[in-house]
Amino acid sequence: MITNTQSRVRYIGASDNGKVNGSFDTPSFKEWWTYKIGITDNINFDNEYTRAGTILESAVLNKVGIPAKFRNISIKPKDSAIGCNYDALQPDRVIEVKTMKIEKARNVLAGYSLPAIYKRQANHAMYVANVNRRWNITHTDFYILPLKKEDYKNPFGADLDLVFKVEYDMPDISDYIKRLNYLDMCLKYGYIPSNADFAKFCKKQLF
């Protein structure tokens, strides 16, 4: 869960996965990087979709019976920029709550794959938990709440009986881990990331 009041300077979380996975030479990456090193202002995550998700997160976790002690966990090591905020985290799994437009939810129920961004967020979350808790999590449970258009304006009217679970298992994410560790090094030592420098980083096997 992301709130608009959180500073994400010198922090690489699950929601940053698109920039981590993409080219380091694009204007959008460079703009993102200026925020990460504290030059530009905070990125605004606040919209009706994120607000609905934040409001409904606890209600969904209550609905599916996740104990309070596993909820709202944050991992941010002192010696690394790589962290994660969890809707819920247990020793054997990550738990993600997602609100989804009802049309897209129907596709997921019909057997279509989860959105790629959800998978990448889960991969990041599992990796961070494993490194910092010395666990071996390879599984994420997504609890998805389909929402109608009007539910985004009035989340308290959402039908919690529509919540369904999708299970996801982590694939090989070795390339993502290299990218994370490269960006972590760049933040630590003040380097400017680039595709060419990343290739050298991988060749030297510094990750």
C-alpha atoms as a PDB file:
ATOM      1  CA  MET A   1       0.000   0.000   0.000  1.00  0.00           C
ATOM      2  CA  ILE A   2       1.325   3.430  -0.941  1.00  0.00           C
ATOM      3  CA  THR A   3       0.208   6.625   0.685  1.00  0.00           C
ATOM      4  CA  ASN A   4       0.849  10.034  -0.777  1.00  0.00           C
ATOM      5  CA  THR A   5       2.461  11.225   2.469  1.00  0.00           C
ATOM      6  CA  GLN A   6       5.298   8.695   2.313  1.00  0.00           C
ATOM      7  CA  SER A   7       8.669   9.874   1.051  1.00  0.00           C
ATOM      8  CA  ARG A   8      10.167   7.381  -1.351  1.00  0.00           C
ATOM      9  CA  VAL A   9      13.464   9.218  -1.816  1.00  0.00           C
ATOM     10  CA  ARG A  10      16.400   6.786  -1.721  1.00  0.00           C
ATOM     11  CA  TYR A  11      13.906   3.942  -1.584  1.00  0.00           C
ATOM     12  CA  ILE A  12      13.079   1.313  -4.210  1.00  0.00           C
ATOM     13  CA  GLY A  13       9.794  -0.429  -3.484  1.00  0.00           C
ATOM     14  CA  ALA A  14       7.472  -2.828  -5.259  1.00  0.00           C
ATOM     15  CA  SER A  15       5.631  -0.051  -7.086  1.00  0.00           C
ATOM     16  CA  ASP A  16       8.920   1.004  -8.706  1.00  0.00           C
ATOM     17  CA  ASN A  17       9.191  -2.290 -10.578  1.00  0.00           C
ATOM     18  CA  GLY A  18       8.384  -0.761 -13.968  1.00  0.00           C
ATOM     19  CA  LYS A  19      11.392   1.559 -13.804  1.00  0.00           C
ATOM     20  CA  VAL A  20      13.645  -1.188 -12.463  1.00  0.00           C
ATOM     21  CA  ASN A  21      12.669  -3.495 -15.340  1.00  0.00           C
ATOM     22  CA  GLY A  22      12.914  -0.900 -18.110  1.00  0.00           C
ATOM     23  CA  SER A  23      15.654   0.998 -19.881  1.00  0.00           C
ATOM     24  CA  PHE A  24      17.886   3.220 -17.753  1.00  0.00           C
ATOM     25  CA  ASP A  25      18.395   5.668 -20.630  1.00  0.00           C
ATOM     26  CA  THR A  26      14.858   6.966 -21.181  1.00  0.00           C
ATOM     27  CA  PRO A  27      13.671  10.462 -20.184  1.00  0.00           C
ATOM     28  CA  SER A  28      11.012   8.947 -17.897  1.00  0.00           C
ATOM     29  CA  PHE A  29      13.640   6.909 -16.042  1.00  0.00           C
ATOM     30  CA  LYS A  30      15.879   9.945 -15.658  1.00  0.00           C
ATOM     31  CA  GLU A  31      12.936  11.942 -14.274  1.00  0.00           C
ATOM     32  CA  TRP A  32      12.173   9.115 -11.827  1.00  0.00           C
ATOM     33  CA  TRP A  33      15.818   8.988 -10.790  1.00  0.00           C
ATOM     34  CA  THR A  34      15.928  12.718  -9.980  1.00  0.00           C
ATOM     35  CA  TYR A  35      13.146  12.059  -7.493  1.00  0.00           C
ATOM     36  CA  LYS A  36      14.923   9.044  -6.033  1.00  0.00           C
ATOM     37  CA  ILE A  37      18.034  11.100  -5.306  1.00  0.00           C
ATOM     38  CA  GLY A  38      15.981  13.933  -3.830  1.00  0.00           C
ATOM     39  CA  ILE A  39      16.268  16.599  -6.537  1.00  0.00           C
ATOM     40  CA  THR A  40      12.609  16.798  -7.564  1.00  0.00           C
ATOM     41  CA  ASP A  41       9.423  16.822  -5.515  1.00  0.00           C
ATOM     42  CA  ASN A  42       7.382  13.862  -4.343  1.00  0.00           C
ATOM     43  CA  ILE A  43       5.535  11.790  -6.941  1.00  0.00           C
ATOM     44  CA  ASN A  44       1.781  12.049  -6.485  1.00  0.00           C
ATOM     45  CA  PHE A  45       0.179   8.608  -6.107  1.00  0.00           C
ATOM     46  CA  ASP A  46      -3.171   9.978  -4.983  1.00  0.00           C
ATOM     47  CA  ASN A  47      -6.190   9.268  -7.206  1.00  0.00           C
ATOM     48  CA  GLU A  48      -9.618   7.706  -6.822  1.00  0.00           C
ATOM     49  CA  TYR A  49      -8.232   4.237  -7.588  1.00  0.00           C
ATOM     50  CA  THR A  50      -5.482   4.288  -4.967  1.00  0.00           C
ATOM     51  CA  ARG A  51      -7.844   5.888  -2.442  1.00  0.00           C
ATOM     52  CA  ALA A  52     -10.396   3.117  -2.953  1.00  0.00           C
ATOM     53  CA  GLY A  53      -7.722   0.465  -2.524  1.00  0.00           C
ATOM     54  CA  THR A  54      -6.443   2.042   0.673  1.00  0.00           C
ATOM     55  CA  ILE A  55      -9.923   2.377   2.149  1.00  0.00           C
ATOM     56  CA  LEU A  56     -10.907  -1.207   1.328  1.00  0.00           C
ATOM     57  CA  GLU A  57      -7.666  -2.987   2.199  1.00  0.00           C
ATOM     58  CA  SER A  58      -8.503  -3.643   5.862  1.00  0.00           C
ATOM     59  CA  ALA A  59     -12.055  -4.650   5.019  1.00  0.00           C
ATOM     60  CA  VAL A  60     -10.830  -7.263   2.537  1.00  0.00           C
ATOM     61  CA  LEU A  61      -8.237  -8.618   4.971  1.00  0.00           C
ATOM     62  CA  ASN A  62     -10.963  -8.881   7.613  1.00  0.00           C
ATOM     63  CA  LYS A  63     -13.203 -10.661   5.140  1.00  0.00           C
ATOM     64  CA  VAL A  64     -10.599 -13.322   4.312  1.00  0.00           C
ATOM     65  CA  GLY A  65      -9.467 -13.758   7.927  1.00  0.00           C
ATOM     66  CA  ILE A  66      -5.899 -12.433   7.935  1.00  0.00           C
ATOM     67  CA  PRO A  67      -4.840 -11.803  11.566  1.00  0.00           C
ATOM     68  CA  ALA A  68      -3.861  -8.243  12.463  1.00  0.00           C
ATOM     69  CA  LYS A  69      -0.314  -9.218  13.470  1.00  0.00           C
ATOM     70  CA  PHE A  70       0.528 -10.019   9.833  1.00  0.00           C
ATOM     71  CA  ARG A  71      -0.779  -6.751   8.374  1.00  0.00           C
ATOM     72  CA  ASN A  72       0.821  -3.446   7.338  1.00  0.00           C
ATOM     73  CA  ILE A  73       4.400  -4.652   7.595  1.00  0.00           C
ATOM     74  CA  SER A  74       7.275  -2.592   6.207  1.00  0.00           C
ATOM     75  CA  ILE A  75      10.789  -3.787   5.471  1.00  0.00           C
ATOM     76  CA  LYS A  76      13.429  -1.129   4.876  1.00  0.00           C
ATOM     77  CA  PRO A  77      17.007  -2.141   5.709  1.00  0.00           C
ATOM     78  CA  LYS A  78      19.375   0.557   6.996  1.00  0.00           C
ATOM     79  CA  ASP A  79      22.122  -0.384   4.545  1.00  0.00           C
ATOM     80  CA  SER A  80      19.992  -0.719   1.409  1.00  0.00           C
ATOM     81  CA  ALA A  81      17.427   1.268  -0.569  1.00  0.00           C
ATOM     82  CA  ILE A  82      15.545  -1.919  -1.479  1.00  0.00           C
ATOM     83  CA  GLY A  83      12.432  -2.272   0.661  1.00  0.00           C
ATOM     84  CA  CYS A  84       8.768  -3.140   0.590  1.00  0.00           C
ATOM     85  CA  ASN A  85       5.464  -2.249   2.238  1.00  0.00           C
ATOM     86  CA  TYR A  86       3.136  -5.220   2.625  1.00  0.00           C
ATOM     87  CA  ASP A  87      -0.621  -5.415   2.855  1.00  0.00           C
ATOM     88  CA  ALA A  88       0.102  -8.584   4.804  1.00  0.00           C
ATOM     89  CA  LEU A  89       3.116 -10.856   5.178  1.00  0.00           C
ATOM     90  CA  GLN A  90       3.330 -14.356   6.609  1.00  0.00           C
ATOM     91  CA  PRO A  91       6.400 -16.630   6.836  1.00  0.00           C
ATOM     92  CA  ASP A  92       5.186 -18.745   3.910  1.00  0.00           C
ATOM     93  CA  ARG A  93       3.516 -16.161   1.679  1.00  0.00           C
ATOM     94  CA  VAL A  94       2.958 -12.571   0.659  1.00  0.00           C
ATOM     95  CA  ILE A  95      -0.651 -11.366   0.707  1.00  0.00           C
ATOM     96  CA  GLU A  96      -1.736  -8.635  -1.692  1.00  0.00           C
ATOM     97  CA  VAL A  97      -5.106  -6.881  -1.784  1.00  0.00           C
ATOM     98  CA  LYS A  98      -6.094  -5.459  -5.152  1.00  0.00           C
ATOM     99  CA  THR A  99      -9.180  -3.614  -6.277  1.00  0.00           C
ATOM    100  CA  MET A 100      -9.922  -4.117  -9.951  1.00  0.00           C
ATOM    101  CA  LYS A 101     -12.460  -2.814 -12.425  1.00  0.00           C
ATOM    102  CA  ILE A 102     -15.180  -5.412 -12.716  1.00  0.00           C
ATOM    103  CA  GLU A 103     -14.554  -5.994 -16.430  1.00  0.00           C
ATOM    104  CA  LYS A 104     -10.883  -6.845 -15.829  1.00  0.00           C
ATOM    105  CA  ALA A 105     -11.795  -9.001 -12.846  1.00  0.00           C
ATOM    106  CA  ARG A 106     -14.094 -11.070 -15.056  1.00  0.00           C
ATOM    107  CA  ASN A 107     -11.146 -11.747 -17.376  1.00  0.00           C
ATOM    108  CA  VAL A 108      -9.000 -12.946 -14.465  1.00  0.00           C
ATOM    109  CA  LEU A 109     -11.811 -15.205 -13.254  1.00  0.00           C
ATOM    110  CA  ALA A 110     -12.162 -16.559 -16.789  1.00  0.00           C
ATOM    111  CA  GLY A 111      -8.579 -17.775 -16.680  1.00  0.00           C
ATOM    112  CA  TYR A 112      -6.650 -14.842 -18.099  1.00  0.00           C
ATOM    113  CA  SER A 113      -3.355 -14.031 -16.434  1.00  0.00           C
ATOM    114  CA  LEU A 114      -2.960 -11.432 -13.717  1.00  0.00           C
ATOM    115  CA  PRO A 115      -1.692  -8.045 -14.922  1.00  0.00           C
ATOM    116  CA  ALA A 116       2.089  -8.093 -15.352  1.00  0.00           C
ATOM    117  CA  ILE A 117       2.517  -5.199 -12.935  1.00  0.00           C
ATOM    118  CA  TYR A 118       0.866  -7.243 -10.168  1.00  0.00           C
ATOM    119  CA  LYS A 119       3.233 -10.146 -10.795  1.00  0.00           C
ATOM    120  CA  ARG A 120       6.295  -7.901 -10.752  1.00  0.00           C
ATOM    121  CA  GLN A 121       5.166  -6.288  -7.503  1.00  0.00           C
ATOM    122  CA  ALA A 122       4.740  -9.722  -5.945  1.00  0.00           C
ATOM    123  CA  ASN A 123       8.170 -10.828  -7.158  1.00  0.00           C
ATOM    124  CA  HIS A 124       9.733  -7.771  -5.546  1.00  0.00           C
ATOM    125  CA  ALA A 125       7.841  -8.333  -2.305  1.00  0.00           C
ATOM    126  CA  MET A 126       8.835 -11.992  -2.035  1.00  0.00           C
ATOM    127  CA  TYR A 127      12.475 -11.230  -2.781  1.00  0.00           C
ATOM    128  CA  VAL A 128      12.703  -8.485  -0.144  1.00  0.00           C
ATOM    129  CA  ALA A 129      11.101 -10.709   2.500  1.00  0.00           C
ATOM    130  CA  ASN A 130      13.438 -13.596   1.697  1.00  0.00           C
ATOM    131  CA  VAL A 131      16.585 -11.484   1.853  1.00  0.00           C
ATOM    132  CA  ASN A 132      15.706  -9.646   5.051  1.00  0.00           C
ATOM    133  CA  ARG A 133      13.841 -12.324   6.990  1.00  0.00           C
ATOM    134  CA  ARG A 134      15.911 -15.267   5.694  1.00  0.00           C
ATOM    135  CA  TRP A 135      12.734 -16.939   4.511  1.00  0.00           C
ATOM    136  CA  ASN A 136      12.078 -18.855   1.314  1.00  0.00           C
ATOM    137  CA  ILE A 137       8.773 -17.443   0.116  1.00  0.00           C
ATOM    138  CA  THR A 138       7.821 -18.357  -3.431  1.00  0.00           C
ATOM    139  CA  HIS A 139       4.061 -17.818  -3.195  1.00  0.00           C
ATOM    140  CA  THR A 140       1.713 -14.825  -3.175  1.00  0.00           C
ATOM    141  CA  ASP A 141      -2.020 -14.845  -2.534  1.00  0.00           C
ATOM    142  CA  PHE A 142      -3.853 -12.052  -4.323  1.00  0.00           C
ATOM    143  CA  TYR A 143      -7.254 -11.152  -2.905  1.00  0.00           C
ATOM    144  CA  ILE A 144      -9.061  -9.252  -5.631  1.00  0.00           C
ATOM    145  CA  LEU A 145     -12.154  -7.146  -5.093  1.00  0.00           C
ATOM    146  CA  PRO A 146     -14.019  -6.251  -8.307  1.00  0.00           C
ATOM    147  CA  LEU A 147     -15.390  -2.714  -8.252  1.00  0.00           C
ATOM    148  CA  LYS A 148     -18.027  -0.995 -10.317  1.00  0.00           C
ATOM    149  CA  LYS A 149     -17.423   2.547 -11.509  1.00  0.00           C
ATOM    150  CA  GLU A 150     -19.521   4.015  -8.728  1.00  0.00           C
ATOM    151  CA  ASP A 151     -17.590   2.022  -6.099  1.00  0.00           C
ATOM    152  CA  TYR A 152     -14.482   4.100  -6.738  1.00  0.00           C
ATOM    153  CA  LYS A 153     -16.394   7.224  -5.741  1.00  0.00           C
ATOM    154  CA  ASN A 154     -18.047   5.478  -2.766  1.00  0.00           C
ATOM    155  CA  PRO A 155     -15.785   2.566  -1.712  1.00  0.00           C
ATOM    156  CA  PHE A 156     -17.885   1.836   1.368  1.00  0.00           C
ATOM    157  CA  GLY A 157     -20.631   0.582  -0.939  1.00  0.00           C
ATOM    158  CA  ALA A 158     -18.440  -2.135  -2.484  1.00  0.00           C
ATOM    159  CA  ASP A 159     -19.688  -5.726  -2.233  1.00  0.00           C
ATOM    160  CA  LEU A 160     -17.067  -7.626  -0.216  1.00  0.00           C
ATOM    161  CA  ASP A 161     -18.746 -10.928  -1.066  1.00  0.00           C
ATOM    162  CA  LEU A 162     -17.214 -10.580  -4.535  1.00  0.00           C
ATOM    163  CA  VAL A 163     -13.641 -11.002  -3.233  1.00  0.00           C
ATOM    164  CA  PHE A 164     -11.799 -13.892  -4.872  1.00  0.00           C
ATOM    165  CA  LYS A 165      -8.301 -15.321  -4.504  1.00  0.00           C
ATOM    166  CA  VAL A 166      -5.665 -15.834  -7.179  1.00  0.00           C
ATOM    167  CA  GLU A 167      -2.515 -17.774  -6.317  1.00  0.00           C
ATOM    168  CA  TYR A 168       0.814 -16.824  -7.861  1.00  0.00           C
ATOM    169  CA  ASP A 169       4.202 -18.524  -7.706  1.00  0.00           C
ATOM    170  CA  MET A 170       7.473 -16.685  -8.232  1.00  0.00           C
ATOM    171  CA  PRO A 171       9.395 -17.470 -11.429  1.00  0.00           C
ATOM    172  CA  ASP A 172      13.126 -16.949 -11.988  1.00  0.00           C
ATOM    173  CA  ILE A 173      13.768 -13.267 -11.237  1.00  0.00           C
ATOM    174  CA  SER A 174      17.569 -13.290 -11.444  1.00  0.00           C
ATOM    175  CA  ASP A 175      17.657 -10.429 -13.979  1.00  0.00           C
ATOM    176  CA  TYR A 176      15.370  -8.308 -11.791  1.00  0.00           C
ATOM    177  CA  ILE A 177      17.625  -8.938  -8.780  1.00  0.00           C
ATOM    178  CA  LYS A 178      20.651  -7.762 -10.777  1.00  0.00           C
ATOM    179  CA  ARG A 179      18.803  -4.603 -11.725  1.00  0.00           C
ATOM    180  CA  LEU A 180      17.728  -3.940  -8.146  1.00  0.00           C
ATOM    181  CA  ASN A 181      21.231  -4.381  -6.806  1.00  0.00           C
ATOM    182  CA  TYR A 182      22.673  -2.195  -9.543  1.00  0.00           C
ATOM    183  CA  LEU A 183      20.294   0.667  -8.728  1.00  0.00           C
ATOM    184  CA  ASP A 184      20.926   0.176  -5.020  1.00  0.00           C
ATOM    185  CA  MET A 185      24.658   0.567  -5.668  1.00  0.00           C
ATOM    186  CA  CYS A 186      24.043   3.685  -7.770  1.00  0.00           C
ATOM    187  CA  LEU A 187      22.053   5.290  -4.966  1.00  0.00           C
ATOM    188  CA  LYS A 188      24.693   4.362  -2.403  1.00  0.00           C
ATOM    189  CA  TYR A 189      27.651   5.776  -4.331  1.00  0.00           C
ATOM    190  CA  GLY A 190      25.993   8.573  -6.284  1.00  0.00           C
ATOM    191  CA  TYR A 191      26.272   7.034  -9.734  1.00  0.00           C
ATOM    192  CA  ILE A 192      23.933   7.874 -12.607  1.00  0.00           C
ATOM    193  CA  PRO A 193      22.451   4.619 -13.985  1.00  0.00           C
ATOM    194  CA  SER A 194      22.758   3.777 -17.667  1.00  0.00           C
ATOM    195  CA  ASN A 195      22.259   0.703 -19.807  1.00  0.00           C
ATOM    196  CA  ALA A 196      25.949   0.618 -20.711  1.00  0.00           C
ATOM    197  CA  ASP A 197      27.054   0.849 -17.087  1.00  0.00           C
ATOM    198  CA  PHE A 198      24.568  -1.844 -16.083  1.00  0.00           C
ATOM    199  CA  ALA A 199      26.065  -4.183 -18.707  1.00  0.00           C
ATOM    200  CA  LYS A 200      29.514  -3.605 -17.181  1.00  0.00           C
ATOM    201  CA  PHE A 201      28.091  -4.199 -13.720  1.00  0.00           C
ATOM    202  CA  CYS A 202      26.692  -7.574 -14.799  1.00  0.00           C
ATOM    203  CA  LYS A 203      29.912  -8.549 -16.542  1.00  0.00           C
ATOM    204  CA  LYS A 204      31.892  -7.906 -13.381  1.00  0.00           C
ATOM    205  CA  GLN A 205      29.324  -9.942 -11.416  1.00  0.00           C
ATOM    206  CA  LEU A 206      29.116  -7.431  -8.607  1.00  0.00           C
ATOM    207  CA  PHE A 207      25.519  -8.308  -7.800  1.00  0.00           C
END
